[in-house]
Amino acid sequence: MKGVLLVNLGSPDSTNPKDVKKYLDEFLMDPRVIDVPFWFRSFLVRGIILNTRPKKSAEAYQKIWWEEGSPLIVISERLQKKIQQKTTIPVALAMRYGSMTLKKGLQELVDQGVDEILTIPLYPQFAMATTETIDVKVEELKNEFFPQLQITSLPAFYNKSEYIEVLSKSISEKLKNLDYEHILFSYHGVPERHIYKRDVTKSHCKIDGSCCITDSPAHQFCYRHQCLKVTDLVAKKLNLQPGTYSTSFQSRLGFDPWLKPPTDRTIERMGLNGVKKMAIVTPAFVSDCLETLEEIAMEGEEIFHEAGGKEFTVIPCLNDRDDWAEVVTGWIDQWRIVDVKTAIA
């Protein structure tokens, strides 16, 4: 019997600093999030970050928390329910971090008689700190607790036509009749070393002006290429004119080189350069969360206004749109018949 496990990032159980600290500890101690030796990661996270950041992060969560709970959790649950209504096989939901564990999600499916599972990391682009850490954790759990399971993971879907179609539609609906001067595609940032580490050719990725647009096997696991590709495909789909859109990377952490340009400085530069009306979309996320609702919709707008900008339009993530649920259901139904890598290639 086949079943599906949707997987998103996760969230603290509440906005209490203690819950936020517990969540951040699990998240930041992941060796694929902060990929440094354990002793240094432990010193950095538990010796420094967790002594200062939980209170500030808790305040940020309080700004965006819904009555039902964490927006990311609530939205993911809504999406899961819509997908379950559209397919006959069991669909469960889990988070990589937090109390909605991957183990609980796998167990839920096993309890329903499932022995073959498709995991769907809810990230359009591949990254060490997102898709890879999910796949690795699922494999660990399989080996330890569920050796009978056959598990397949949905590959990154950043360039799939049906995904680009629904993403473009969501953007065009928000921009319809909107007089804007520039649209910024803001993706979650990663350290540059993550790009180099996942270069299967060991030589192609140089993070320059050409490597991401020159065909290479490295692109299968190159987060930067996949982000730029989404921007390019959506721009072509919407017939955006050169100079009216650009790409940036948000949520920097630490002092190591991260992907550039940074979103906050890009927003500021837009305002200082005379842009009065801008829109922003965050295609690294399929569900609105702290990084979109607080970092972009609140902090980003404040930066823009302080720099002289006037109108700041935030385009929602795909969330639980009916057409997005249809797309995911389509991938599931294809997998039921043939191997997923063949089905959505």
Foldseek 3Di string as FASTA:
>chain_A
DEEEEEEEADDFQALPLVSQLQQQVVQQQPCLAVVDDNVVSCCPNVVPCSVPPSNVVSVLQVVVADPVGFQQVVLVVLLQVLLCVVDPHYYFYAYVTYDRHPLVRVVVNVVVVHQEYEYEFQFQAAFSSGVVSVVVVVVVCCVPPNVSHHYHYFARNLPFPLVLVLVLVLVCVLCVVPDFQAEEAEEAKGFPVRLCVQQPVNPQDDLDDPSLPDDDPSRSRHRVSSSVVSVVSSCVVVVPDPPRYDYAHEDDDDDGHMRDDYPQVVLLVCLLVPGAGYEYEYNRGQTDGSCQVRVCVPVSVVSNVVSHHHHYHYRGHNRNDSSVSVVVSVLVVQVVPDPSVVSRD
